[in-house]
Protein backbone atom coordinates (compact mmCIF):
# COMPACT_ATOMS: atom_id res chain seq x y z
CA MET A 1 -10.39 -71.81 162.86
CA PRO A 2 -10.47 -75.28 164.47
CA SER A 3 -8.55 -78.02 162.64
CA PRO A 4 -10.77 -79.83 160.09
CA GLN A 5 -12.20 -83.18 161.15
CA PRO A 6 -10.78 -86.16 159.20
CA THR A 7 -14.29 -87.62 159.06
CA PRO A 8 -17.62 -86.01 160.01
CA GLY A 9 -18.37 -86.29 163.70
CA SER A 10 -14.86 -87.44 164.59
CA ARG A 11 -13.90 -84.45 166.75
CA GLY A 12 -13.20 -85.24 170.38
CA TYR A 13 -14.96 -83.63 173.31
CA ILE A 14 -13.96 -80.11 174.34
CA ILE A 15 -14.43 -79.74 178.10
CA PRO A 16 -13.94 -76.34 179.74
CA ILE A 17 -14.22 -76.48 183.55
CA GLY A 18 -14.88 -73.42 185.70
CA GLY A 19 -12.09 -74.22 188.16
CA ALA A 20 -12.02 -75.69 191.67
CA GLU A 21 -13.52 -78.97 190.44
CA ASP A 22 -14.06 -81.64 193.10
CA LYS A 23 -10.79 -83.55 193.48
CA VAL A 24 -11.53 -85.30 196.78
CA ASN A 25 -15.08 -86.67 197.01
CA ASP A 26 -17.07 -87.85 193.99
CA ARG A 27 -14.71 -86.19 191.45
CA ARG A 28 -17.67 -86.30 189.10
CA ILE A 29 -16.30 -84.04 186.36
CA LEU A 30 -12.87 -85.65 186.35
CA GLN A 31 -14.44 -89.13 186.36
CA ARG A 32 -16.59 -88.22 183.35
CA PHE A 33 -13.48 -86.97 181.54
CA VAL A 34 -11.66 -90.22 182.33
CA ASP A 35 -14.60 -92.30 181.08
CA ILE A 36 -14.69 -90.38 177.80
CA CYS A 37 -10.95 -90.93 177.38
CA GLY A 38 -11.28 -94.71 177.78
CA GLY A 39 -11.37 -95.45 181.50
CA GLU A 40 -8.48 -97.56 182.73
CA ASP A 41 -7.24 -97.84 179.13
CA ALA A 42 -7.07 -94.04 178.74
CA ARG A 43 -3.77 -92.36 177.90
CA ILE A 44 -3.88 -88.90 179.45
CA VAL A 45 -1.35 -86.08 179.18
CA VAL A 46 -1.45 -83.38 181.84
CA ILE A 47 -0.19 -79.93 180.80
CA PRO A 48 0.42 -77.73 183.89
CA THR A 49 1.94 -74.82 181.94
CA ALA A 50 -0.54 -72.26 183.32
CA SER A 51 0.59 -73.01 186.87
CA GLN A 52 3.91 -72.01 188.40
CA LEU A 53 3.60 -74.59 191.18
CA ASP A 54 5.78 -77.69 190.88
CA THR A 55 3.06 -79.75 192.58
CA THR A 56 0.23 -79.10 190.10
CA GLY A 57 1.13 -81.67 187.46
CA PRO A 58 1.98 -84.48 189.92
CA ARG A 59 -1.25 -83.77 191.85
CA TYR A 60 -3.43 -84.33 188.78
CA LYS A 61 -1.37 -87.37 187.82
CA GLU A 62 -2.12 -88.83 191.24
CA ILE A 63 -5.83 -88.05 190.90
CA PHE A 64 -6.11 -89.68 187.47
CA HIS A 65 -4.26 -92.75 188.77
CA MET A 66 -6.77 -92.91 191.64
CA LEU A 67 -9.56 -92.83 189.06
CA GLY A 68 -8.10 -95.94 187.46
CA VAL A 69 -6.03 -94.52 184.60
CA LYS A 70 -2.82 -96.49 184.14
CA GLN A 71 -0.95 -94.17 181.78
CA VAL A 72 -0.71 -90.52 182.81
CA ASP A 73 2.17 -88.31 181.66
CA VAL A 74 2.93 -84.79 182.87
CA LEU A 75 4.25 -82.53 180.11
CA ASP A 76 5.61 -79.57 182.04
CA TYR A 77 6.22 -76.99 179.32
CA ARG A 78 7.87 -74.07 181.12
CA GLU A 79 9.45 -72.24 178.17
CA ARG A 80 8.86 -72.18 174.42
CA LYS A 81 12.03 -74.17 173.81
CA ASP A 82 10.44 -77.06 175.75
CA THR A 83 7.86 -77.45 172.99
CA ASP A 84 10.57 -78.98 170.75
CA ASN A 85 10.65 -82.09 172.97
CA ALA A 86 9.94 -84.87 170.45
CA GLU A 87 9.20 -87.48 173.14
CA TRP A 88 6.50 -85.30 174.71
CA LEU A 89 5.03 -84.50 171.30
CA ALA A 90 4.74 -88.23 170.59
CA LEU A 91 2.84 -88.69 173.87
CA ILE A 92 0.29 -86.08 172.75
CA GLU A 93 -0.11 -87.86 169.42
CA GLN A 94 -0.77 -91.17 171.25
CA ALA A 95 -3.06 -89.72 173.94
CA THR A 96 -6.80 -90.22 174.22
CA GLY A 97 -7.13 -87.15 176.46
CA ALA A 98 -5.28 -83.93 177.28
CA PHE A 99 -5.88 -81.97 180.48
CA MET A 100 -4.71 -78.36 180.95
CA THR A 101 -4.56 -77.11 184.52
CA GLY A 102 -5.39 -73.75 186.05
CA GLY A 103 -3.09 -70.82 186.68
CA ASN A 104 -2.54 -67.95 184.25
CA GLN A 105 -4.00 -68.36 180.76
CA LEU A 106 -1.42 -65.99 179.29
CA ARG A 107 1.27 -68.49 180.22
CA LEU A 108 -0.55 -71.02 178.04
CA SER A 109 -0.88 -68.66 175.10
CA THR A 110 2.65 -67.24 175.29
CA VAL A 111 4.40 -70.57 175.87
CA LEU A 112 2.32 -72.85 173.63
CA GLY A 113 0.78 -70.51 171.05
CA GLY A 114 2.02 -71.17 167.51
CA THR A 115 4.13 -74.18 168.51
CA PRO A 116 4.07 -77.83 167.35
CA VAL A 117 2.40 -78.62 170.70
CA ALA A 118 -0.58 -76.37 169.98
CA ARG A 119 -0.87 -77.76 166.46
CA ALA A 120 -0.71 -81.34 167.74
CA ILE A 121 -3.46 -80.76 170.32
CA ARG A 122 -5.70 -79.15 167.70
CA ARG A 123 -5.02 -81.94 165.21
CA GLN A 124 -5.57 -84.71 167.75
CA ASN A 125 -8.80 -83.15 169.03
CA ALA A 126 -10.08 -83.02 165.45
CA ALA A 127 -9.26 -86.74 165.19
CA GLY A 128 -11.04 -87.71 168.43
CA MET A 129 -8.87 -86.87 171.44
CA ALA A 130 -10.78 -85.24 174.31
CA VAL A 131 -9.32 -81.95 175.56
CA ALA A 132 -10.25 -80.58 178.98
CA GLY A 133 -9.06 -77.44 180.71
CA THR A 134 -9.84 -76.11 184.15
CA SER A 135 -9.83 -72.42 185.09
CA ALA A 136 -7.06 -70.87 182.93
CA GLY A 137 -7.05 -74.06 180.86
CA ALA A 138 -10.76 -73.55 180.18
CA ALA A 139 -10.26 -69.99 178.95
CA PHE A 140 -7.50 -71.17 176.59
CA VAL A 141 -9.51 -73.76 174.62
CA SER A 142 -11.38 -71.20 172.50
CA GLU A 143 -10.10 -69.09 169.62
CA HIS A 144 -10.90 -65.81 171.40
CA MET A 145 -9.59 -65.78 174.99
CA ILE A 146 -10.15 -63.34 177.84
CA ALA A 147 -6.61 -62.54 178.99
CA TYR A 148 -7.67 -60.51 182.00
CA GLY A 149 -10.25 -57.95 183.07
CA ARG A 150 -12.00 -56.34 186.01
CA SER A 151 -14.82 -57.90 188.00
CA GLY A 152 -18.31 -56.46 188.24
CA ALA A 153 -21.78 -56.98 186.81
CA THR A 154 -21.71 -54.05 184.35
CA PRO A 155 -19.95 -54.16 180.96
CA ARG A 156 -17.46 -51.30 180.74
CA ALA A 157 -15.39 -50.14 177.78
CA GLY A 158 -11.72 -51.03 177.87
CA ARG A 159 -11.95 -53.15 181.02
CA VAL A 160 -11.21 -56.48 179.26
CA SER A 161 -8.11 -57.52 177.34
CA MET A 162 -8.39 -60.26 174.74
CA ALA A 163 -5.78 -62.65 173.35
CA ALA A 164 -5.64 -65.55 170.94
CA GLY A 165 -6.42 -68.93 172.49
CA LEU A 166 -5.77 -72.49 171.36
CA GLY A 167 -8.61 -72.36 168.83
CA LEU A 168 -10.35 -75.70 169.41
CA THR A 169 -13.62 -73.84 168.90
CA ASN A 170 -14.50 -70.41 167.54
CA ARG A 171 -18.10 -70.61 168.78
CA VAL A 172 -17.61 -69.48 172.39
CA ILE A 173 -15.73 -67.16 174.72
CA ILE A 174 -15.23 -68.73 178.13
CA ASP A 175 -14.92 -67.08 181.54
CA GLN A 176 -14.24 -69.14 184.65
CA HIS A 177 -14.87 -68.84 188.43
CA PHE A 178 -17.86 -66.93 187.08
CA ARG A 179 -20.30 -66.15 189.87
CA GLN A 180 -17.66 -66.64 192.56
CA ARG A 181 -15.66 -63.71 191.12
CA ASP A 182 -18.52 -61.60 189.75
CA ARG A 183 -17.46 -61.73 186.10
CA LEU A 184 -20.70 -61.09 184.18
CA GLY A 185 -19.59 -57.59 183.21
CA ARG A 186 -16.25 -58.66 181.76
CA LEU A 187 -17.80 -61.50 179.76
CA MET A 188 -20.40 -59.15 178.30
CA THR A 189 -17.68 -56.62 177.49
CA ALA A 190 -15.77 -59.32 175.59
CA LEU A 191 -18.93 -60.22 173.68
CA ALA A 192 -19.56 -56.58 172.83
CA TYR A 193 -16.20 -56.59 171.03
CA ASN A 194 -17.26 -59.59 168.92
CA PRO A 195 -21.01 -60.40 168.86
CA PHE A 196 -20.39 -63.46 166.65
CA VAL A 197 -19.52 -65.71 169.57
CA ILE A 198 -21.52 -67.08 172.52
CA GLY A 199 -20.42 -66.40 176.10
CA PHE A 200 -20.04 -69.25 178.59
CA GLY A 201 -19.61 -68.15 182.20
CA LEU A 202 -18.62 -71.27 184.14
CA ASP A 203 -19.11 -71.49 187.89
CA GLU A 204 -16.57 -73.40 189.93
CA ASP A 205 -16.93 -77.21 189.97
CA THR A 206 -18.99 -76.97 186.77
CA ALA A 207 -18.10 -78.06 183.24
CA ALA A 208 -19.43 -77.83 179.70
CA PHE A 209 -19.03 -81.11 177.81
CA ILE A 210 -19.05 -80.03 174.16
CA ARG A 211 -19.61 -82.88 171.70
CA ALA A 212 -18.61 -83.12 168.04
CA ASP A 213 -22.18 -82.23 167.02
CA ARG A 214 -21.88 -79.03 169.11
CA GLN A 215 -24.42 -80.20 171.66
CA VAL A 216 -23.32 -79.12 175.15
CA GLU A 217 -24.15 -80.86 178.42
CA ILE A 218 -23.66 -79.15 181.77
CA VAL A 219 -22.14 -81.24 184.55
CA GLY A 220 -21.34 -80.15 188.09
CA ALA A 221 -22.43 -78.47 191.29
CA GLY A 222 -22.91 -74.95 189.94
CA ALA A 223 -24.26 -73.49 186.71
CA ILE A 224 -23.19 -72.06 183.40
CA THR A 225 -24.40 -68.63 182.40
CA VAL A 226 -24.90 -68.57 178.63
CA VAL A 227 -24.86 -65.08 177.12
CA ASP A 228 -26.17 -65.03 173.54
CA VAL A 229 -25.75 -61.80 171.55
CA ALA A 230 -26.90 -63.17 168.18
CA ASP A 231 -29.92 -60.85 168.22
CA LEU A 232 -28.08 -57.84 169.62
CA GLU A 233 -29.99 -54.75 168.51
CA TYR A 234 -27.64 -52.06 169.79
CA SER A 235 -24.16 -51.76 171.29
CA ALA A 236 -22.58 -48.53 172.51
CA MET A 237 -19.08 -50.04 172.61
CA ALA A 238 -17.73 -48.17 169.57
CA ASP A 239 -18.76 -44.79 171.02
CA SER A 240 -17.83 -45.41 174.66
CA ARG A 241 -14.80 -44.02 176.46
CA GLU A 242 -12.50 -46.00 178.72
CA GLY A 243 -14.41 -47.03 181.85
CA ASP A 244 -17.86 -46.07 180.55
CA ALA A 245 -20.77 -48.42 181.15
CA VAL A 246 -21.78 -49.90 177.79
CA ASP A 247 -25.40 -50.11 176.63
CA LEU A 248 -26.24 -53.52 175.16
CA ILE A 249 -29.81 -54.09 173.94
CA GLY A 250 -31.18 -57.45 172.84
CA VAL A 251 -28.99 -59.79 174.89
CA ARG A 252 -30.36 -63.25 175.68
CA LEU A 253 -29.22 -64.99 178.87
CA HIS A 254 -29.64 -68.56 180.13
CA VAL A 255 -28.59 -70.06 183.47
CA LEU A 256 -28.09 -73.82 183.05
CA SER A 257 -27.33 -76.29 185.81
CA ASP A 258 -26.42 -79.97 186.01
CA GLY A 259 -28.02 -82.03 183.24
CA ALA A 260 -29.21 -79.07 181.16
CA THR A 261 -28.14 -78.85 177.52
CA TYR A 262 -27.38 -76.16 174.95
CA ASN A 263 -26.91 -76.42 171.20
CA LEU A 264 -24.26 -74.14 169.71
CA ASP A 265 -25.81 -74.32 166.24
CA THR A 266 -29.46 -73.66 167.07
CA ARG A 267 -28.65 -71.62 170.22
CA LYS A 268 -31.45 -73.47 172.01
CA ALA A 269 -31.26 -74.40 175.70
CA ALA A 270 -33.12 -77.22 177.46
CA PRO A 271 -33.40 -77.99 181.18
CA ALA A 272 -32.38 -81.28 182.73
CA PRO A 273 -35.09 -83.96 182.59
CA LEU A 274 -37.19 -83.88 185.77
CA GLU A 275 -36.73 -86.86 188.07
CA ARG A 276 -39.80 -88.85 188.95
CA PRO A 277 -40.50 -89.15 192.68
CA SER A 278 -39.51 -92.83 192.62
CA GLU A 279 -36.13 -91.93 191.16
CA ARG A 280 -35.12 -89.55 193.93
């Protein structure tokens, strides 16, 4: 379960990003994250654990500096023993925003899971710190995480492996690079295992900005595919063999683009307000 909020409505934003967000032109998603964190007064920690490239952390540090942030620290946790670094832990506790990069989400769960770092991020998010993750970092923010699985539009038994995520929210399962990598089938398979949650399939350069009141705003160039199985009437998952296509009856699906909203409590979607001709 997510850490309890010290006061109602105090939880910080949770911002999963579908990967490949614009880092060169308008940087709209990253700019919105910076603004939420406090603009030039923001204190951002970058956690590149999912990536095995030495350049990932410094690259995001450079981008956030270009967006006006004065204090950006890269916390390059490579092994579990690194999570005992008291100086880095203090930086998380002082931060207004944490950003987890892309790579392999299992590196995040196996290196950070169950450590003081994971507990600090959960605690600070409950107290108001914004937490964003792109690609693998997006998958990791939820309690139930897709570790890996096969592409394709059809849900198939046994073709998705699940793992425990960071647990900032237990309301959603997130899949990234969604339409670019044809991942509808694997997201629906994950939901068939646990129909309690809502599926968010995030296209590249697209983010879900989840507020403390569980209202979600979509920002970016692509869309988010919301798969709601609350009214699922029938699932063949329990009786299916490895590789079988799985019957799912009663699934509700929304495709939401920039400016649209979704409420995790009511499970209601709304389109972006239409622009008047004079506003275009």
